[in-house]
Amino acid sequence: MADVPGRREPGTGEINYPAVARTLAALGYDGTVAMEAWASDDSELALERFRSAFTL
């Protein structure tokens, strides 16, 4: 998954990733979530955004 529009990292578009993470946890999902996107600018900031997107 990647944020919309632009396939950038979480927090740069319209998808509410914390809500997605909470819903998956509430449903008992414990599998892998793959994220594939382009860094919008600073690659270190993008990596932090990827990590925090699914940290509850």
PDB file of N, CA and C in Angstrom:
ATOM      1  N   MET A   1       0.830  -1.173   0.000  1.00  0.00           N
ATOM      2  CA  MET A   1       0.000   0.000   0.000  1.00  0.00           C
ATOM      3  C   MET A   1       0.873   1.234   0.000  1.00  0.00           C
ATOM      4  N   ALA A   2       0.319   2.302  -0.459  1.00  0.00           N
ATOM      5  CA  ALA A   2       0.986   3.603  -0.476  1.00  0.00           C
ATOM      6  C   ALA A   2      -0.103   4.661  -0.364  1.00  0.00           C
ATOM      7  N   ASP A   3       0.276   5.845   0.084  1.00  0.00           N
ATOM      8  CA  ASP A   3      -0.729   6.887   0.255  1.00  0.00           C
ATOM      9  C   ASP A   3      -1.206   7.402  -1.098  1.00  0.00           C
ATOM     10  N   VAL A   4      -2.390   7.950  -1.081  1.00  0.00           N
ATOM     11  CA  VAL A   4      -3.061   8.432  -2.292  1.00  0.00           C
ATOM     12  C   VAL A   4      -3.310   9.929  -2.137  1.00  0.00           C
ATOM     13  N   PRO A   5      -3.062  10.745  -3.101  1.00  0.00           N
ATOM     14  CA  PRO A   5      -2.514  10.459  -4.421  1.00  0.00           C
ATOM     15  C   PRO A   5      -0.990  10.418  -4.389  1.00  0.00           C
ATOM     16  N   GLY A   6      -0.396   9.929  -5.431  1.00  0.00           N
ATOM     17  CA  GLY A   6       1.045  10.021  -5.623  1.00  0.00           C
ATOM     18  C   GLY A   6       1.872   8.844  -5.175  1.00  0.00           C
ATOM     19  N   ARG A   7       1.287   7.840  -4.535  1.00  0.00           N
ATOM     20  CA  ARG A   7       2.022   6.674  -4.038  1.00  0.00           C
ATOM     21  C   ARG A   7       3.211   7.075  -3.173  1.00  0.00           C
ATOM     22  N   ARG A   8       2.960   8.007  -2.266  1.00  0.00           N
ATOM     23  CA  ARG A   8       4.010   8.462  -1.341  1.00  0.00           C
ATOM     24  C   ARG A   8       3.826   7.787   0.010  1.00  0.00           C
ATOM     25  N   GLU A   9       4.699   8.113   0.941  1.00  0.00           N
ATOM     26  CA  GLU A   9       4.653   7.495   2.267  1.00  0.00           C
ATOM     27  C   GLU A   9       3.421   7.950   3.050  1.00  0.00           C
ATOM     28  N   PRO A  10       3.059   7.192   4.095  1.00  0.00           N
ATOM     29  CA  PRO A  10       1.912   7.552   4.936  1.00  0.00           C
ATOM     30  C   PRO A  10       2.038   8.977   5.465  1.00  0.00           C
ATOM     31  N   GLY A  11       0.901   9.638   5.522  1.00  0.00           N
ATOM     32  CA  GLY A  11       0.865  11.002   6.029  1.00  0.00           C
ATOM     33  C   GLY A  11       0.963  12.058   4.948  1.00  0.00           C
ATOM     34  N   THR A  12       1.110  11.629   3.703  1.00  0.00           N
ATOM     35  CA  THR A  12       1.236  12.594   2.611  1.00  0.00           C
ATOM     36  C   THR A  12      -0.004  12.635   1.741  1.00  0.00           C
ATOM     37  N   GLY A  13      -1.003  11.859   2.092  1.00  0.00           N
ATOM     38  CA  GLY A  13      -2.199  11.790   1.259  1.00  0.00           C
ATOM     39  C   GLY A  13      -3.465  11.646   2.072  1.00  0.00           C
ATOM     40  N   GLU A  14      -4.414  10.913   1.532  1.00  0.00           N
ATOM     41  CA  GLU A  14      -5.770  10.859   2.060  1.00  0.00           C
ATOM     42  C   GLU A  14      -6.065   9.701   3.002  1.00  0.00           C
ATOM     43  N   ILE A  15      -5.214   8.678   3.044  1.00  0.00           N
ATOM     44  CA  ILE A  15      -5.517   7.482   3.827  1.00  0.00           C
ATOM     45  C   ILE A  15      -5.160   7.701   5.292  1.00  0.00           C
ATOM     46  N   ASN A  16      -6.077   7.335   6.174  1.00  0.00           N
ATOM     47  CA  ASN A  16      -5.865   7.455   7.613  1.00  0.00           C
ATOM     48  C   ASN A  16      -5.264   6.132   8.111  1.00  0.00           C
ATOM     49  N   TYR A  17      -3.944   6.020   8.032  1.00  0.00           N
ATOM     50  CA  TYR A  17      -3.281   4.772   8.381  1.00  0.00           C
ATOM     51  C   TYR A  17      -3.438   4.365   9.842  1.00  0.00           C
ATOM     52  N   PRO A  18      -3.419   5.279  10.801  1.00  0.00           N
ATOM     53  CA  PRO A  18      -3.663   4.848  12.181  1.00  0.00           C
ATOM     54  C   PRO A  18      -5.038   4.180  12.341  1.00  0.00           C
ATOM     55  N   ALA A  19      -6.039   4.680  11.645  1.00  0.00           N
ATOM     56  CA  ALA A  19      -7.371   4.063  11.710  1.00  0.00           C
ATOM     57  C   ALA A  19      -7.352   2.675  11.075  1.00  0.00           C
ATOM     58  N   VAL A  20      -6.624   2.526   9.983  1.00  0.00           N
ATOM     59  CA  VAL A  20      -6.496   1.215   9.341  1.00  0.00           C
ATOM     60  C   VAL A  20      -5.800   0.248  10.304  1.00  0.00           C
ATOM     61  N   ALA A  21      -4.724   0.687  10.930  1.00  0.00           N
ATOM     62  CA  ALA A  21      -3.987  -0.166  11.864  1.00  0.00           C
ATOM     63  C   ALA A  21      -4.859  -0.572  13.045  1.00  0.00           C
ATOM     64  N   ARG A  22      -5.612   0.368  13.584  1.00  0.00           N
ATOM     65  CA  ARG A  22      -6.504   0.043  14.718  1.00  0.00           C
ATOM     66  C   ARG A  22      -7.571  -0.959  14.306  1.00  0.00           C
ATOM     67  N   THR A  23      -8.122  -0.791  13.130  1.00  0.00           N
ATOM     68  CA  THR A  23      -9.158  -1.710  12.647  1.00  0.00           C
ATOM     69  C   THR A  23      -8.592  -3.105  12.440  1.00  0.00           C
ATOM     70  N   LEU A  24      -7.426  -3.198  11.823  1.00  0.00           N
ATOM     71  CA  LEU A  24      -6.805  -4.510  11.636  1.00  0.00           C
ATOM     72  C   LEU A  24      -6.543  -5.187  12.978  1.00  0.00           C
ATOM     73  N   ALA A  25      -6.049  -4.415  13.954  1.00  0.00           N
ATOM     74  CA  ALA A  25      -5.796  -4.970  15.286  1.00  0.00           C
ATOM     75  C   ALA A  25      -7.093  -5.416  15.945  1.00  0.00           C
ATOM     76  N   ALA A  26      -8.138  -4.620  15.826  1.00  0.00           N
ATOM     77  CA  ALA A  26      -9.429  -4.964  16.434  1.00  0.00           C
ATOM     78  C   ALA A  26     -10.015  -6.234  15.815  1.00  0.00           C
ATOM     79  N   LEU A  27      -9.710  -6.470  14.554  1.00  0.00           N
ATOM     80  CA  LEU A  27     -10.189  -7.675  13.875  1.00  0.00           C
ATOM     81  C   LEU A  27      -9.316  -8.892  14.167  1.00  0.00           C
ATOM     82  N   GLY A  28      -8.217  -8.668  14.890  1.00  0.00           N
ATOM     83  CA  GLY A  28      -7.324  -9.756  15.244  1.00  0.00           C
ATOM     84  C   GLY A  28      -6.294 -10.100  14.187  1.00  0.00           C
ATOM     85  N   TYR A  29      -6.134  -9.247  13.191  1.00  0.00           N
ATOM     86  CA  TYR A  29      -5.152  -9.503  12.139  1.00  0.00           C
ATOM     87  C   TYR A  29      -3.754  -9.389  12.710  1.00  0.00           C
ATOM     88  N   ASP A  30      -2.943 -10.415  12.492  1.00  0.00           N
ATOM     89  CA  ASP A  30      -1.565 -10.357  12.977  1.00  0.00           C
ATOM     90  C   ASP A  30      -0.571 -10.736  11.877  1.00  0.00           C
ATOM     91  N   GLY A  31      -0.982 -10.546  10.644  1.00  0.00           N
ATOM     92  CA  GLY A  31      -0.122 -10.863   9.506  1.00  0.00           C
ATOM     93  C   GLY A  31       0.736  -9.682   9.099  1.00  0.00           C
ATOM     94  N   THR A  32       1.294  -9.811   7.953  1.00  0.00           N
ATOM     95  CA  THR A  32       2.190  -8.791   7.406  1.00  0.00           C
ATOM     96  C   THR A  32       1.395  -7.750   6.617  1.00  0.00           C
ATOM     97  N   VAL A  33       1.807  -6.503   6.749  1.00  0.00           N
ATOM     98  CA  VAL A  33       1.275  -5.428   5.918  1.00  0.00           C
ATOM     99  C   VAL A  33       2.466  -4.892   5.127  1.00  0.00           C
ATOM    100  N   ALA A  34       2.395  -5.004   3.823  1.00  0.00           N
ATOM    101  CA  ALA A  34       3.494  -4.538   2.974  1.00  0.00           C
ATOM    102  C   ALA A  34       3.213  -3.121   2.496  1.00  0.00           C
ATOM    103  N   MET A  35       4.227  -2.299   2.541  1.00  0.00           N
ATOM    104  CA  MET A  35       4.101  -0.930   2.074  1.00  0.00           C
ATOM    105  C   MET A  35       5.152  -0.696   1.010  1.00  0.00           C
ATOM    106  N   GLU A  36       4.724  -0.169  -0.112  1.00  0.00           N
ATOM    107  CA  GLU A  36       5.631   0.128  -1.208  1.00  0.00           C
ATOM    108  C   GLU A  36       5.252   1.497  -1.745  1.00  0.00           C
ATOM    109  N   ALA A  37       6.139   2.446  -1.587  1.00  0.00           N
ATOM    110  CA  ALA A  37       5.831   3.811  -1.993  1.00  0.00           C
ATOM    111  C   ALA A  37       7.133   4.561  -2.256  1.00  0.00           C
ATOM    112  N   TRP A  38       6.990   5.754  -2.768  1.00  0.00           N
ATOM    113  CA  TRP A  38       8.134   6.636  -3.012  1.00  0.00           C
ATOM    114  C   TRP A  38       8.236   7.653  -1.880  1.00  0.00           C
ATOM    115  N   ALA A  39       9.436   7.939  -1.443  1.00  0.00           N
ATOM    116  CA  ALA A  39       9.635   8.999  -0.450  1.00  0.00           C
ATOM    117  C   ALA A  39       9.320  10.338  -1.105  1.00  0.00           C
ATOM    118  N   SER A  40       8.529  11.150  -0.424  1.00  0.00           N
ATOM    119  CA  SER A  40       8.146  12.436  -1.009  1.00  0.00           C
ATOM    120  C   SER A  40       9.285  13.449  -1.001  1.00  0.00           C
ATOM    121  N   ASP A  41      10.210  13.309  -0.045  1.00  0.00           N
ATOM    122  CA  ASP A  41      11.318  14.250   0.037  1.00  0.00           C
ATOM    123  C   ASP A  41      12.454  13.604   0.807  1.00  0.00           C
ATOM    124  N   ASP A  42      12.481  13.789   2.078  1.00  0.00           N
ATOM    125  CA  ASP A  42      13.525  13.281   2.964  1.00  0.00           C
ATOM    126  C   ASP A  42      13.297  11.783   3.217  1.00  0.00           C
ATOM    127  N   SER A  43      14.222  10.943   2.797  1.00  0.00           N
ATOM    128  CA  SER A  43      14.033   9.499   2.924  1.00  0.00           C
ATOM    129  C   SER A  43      14.005   9.042   4.380  1.00  0.00           C
ATOM    130  N   GLU A  44      14.739   9.708   5.267  1.00  0.00           N
ATOM    131  CA  GLU A  44      14.706   9.351   6.692  1.00  0.00           C
ATOM    132  C   GLU A  44      13.334   9.664   7.290  1.00  0.00           C
ATOM    133  N   LEU A  45      12.766  10.798   6.931  1.00  0.00           N
ATOM    134  CA  LEU A  45      11.431  11.165   7.389  1.00  0.00           C
ATOM    135  C   LEU A  45      10.402  10.181   6.837  1.00  0.00           C
ATOM    136  N   ALA A  46      10.555   9.802   5.580  1.00  0.00           N
ATOM    137  CA  ALA A  46       9.643   8.835   4.969  1.00  0.00           C
ATOM    138  C   ALA A  46       9.704   7.509   5.714  1.00  0.00           C
ATOM    139  N   LEU A  47      10.892   7.054   6.061  1.00  0.00           N
ATOM    140  CA  LEU A  47      11.048   5.797   6.795  1.00  0.00           C
ATOM    141  C   LEU A  47      10.360   5.882   8.154  1.00  0.00           C
ATOM    142  N   GLU A  48      10.511   6.994   8.837  1.00  0.00           N
ATOM    143  CA  GLU A  48       9.831   7.177  10.127  1.00  0.00           C
ATOM    144  C   GLU A  48       8.318   7.153   9.944  1.00  0.00           C
ATOM    145  N   ARG A  49       7.841   7.758   8.898  1.00  0.00           N
ATOM    146  CA  ARG A  49       6.395   7.750   8.633  1.00  0.00           C
ATOM    147  C   ARG A  49       5.894   6.333   8.347  1.00  0.00           C
ATOM    148  N   PHE A  50       6.681   5.545   7.611  1.00  0.00           N
ATOM    149  CA  PHE A  50       6.311   4.148   7.374  1.00  0.00           C
ATOM    150  C   PHE A  50       6.226   3.397   8.693  1.00  0.00           C
ATOM    151  N   ARG A  51       7.236   3.580   9.543  1.00  0.00           N
ATOM    152  CA  ARG A  51       7.257   2.864  10.828  1.00  0.00           C
ATOM    153  C   ARG A  51       6.100   3.272  11.728  1.00  0.00           C
ATOM    154  N   SER A  52       5.826   4.537  11.793  1.00  0.00           N
ATOM    155  CA  SER A  52       4.788   5.000  12.715  1.00  0.00           C
ATOM    156  C   SER A  52       3.379   4.764  12.200  1.00  0.00           C
ATOM    157  N   ALA A  53       3.222   4.528  10.907  1.00  0.00           N
ATOM    158  CA  ALA A  53       1.895   4.359  10.331  1.00  0.00           C
ATOM    159  C   ALA A  53       1.136   3.192  10.960  1.00  0.00           C
ATOM    160  N   PHE A  54       1.844   2.133  11.327  1.00  0.00           N
ATOM    161  CA  PHE A  54       1.193   0.955  11.875  1.00  0.00           C
ATOM    162  C   PHE A  54       1.645   0.631  13.286  1.00  0.00           C
ATOM    163  N   THR A  55       2.205   1.595  13.981  1.00  0.00           N
ATOM    164  CA  THR A  55       2.584   1.403  15.377  1.00  0.00           C
ATOM    165  C   THR A  55       1.427   1.853  16.251  1.00  0.00           C
ATOM    166  N   LEU A  56       0.902   0.910  17.020  1.00  0.00           N
ATOM    167  CA  LEU A  56      -0.235   1.246  17.894  1.00  0.00           C
ATOM    168  C   LEU A  56       0.232   1.648  19.262  1.00  0.00           C
TER     169      LEU A  56
END
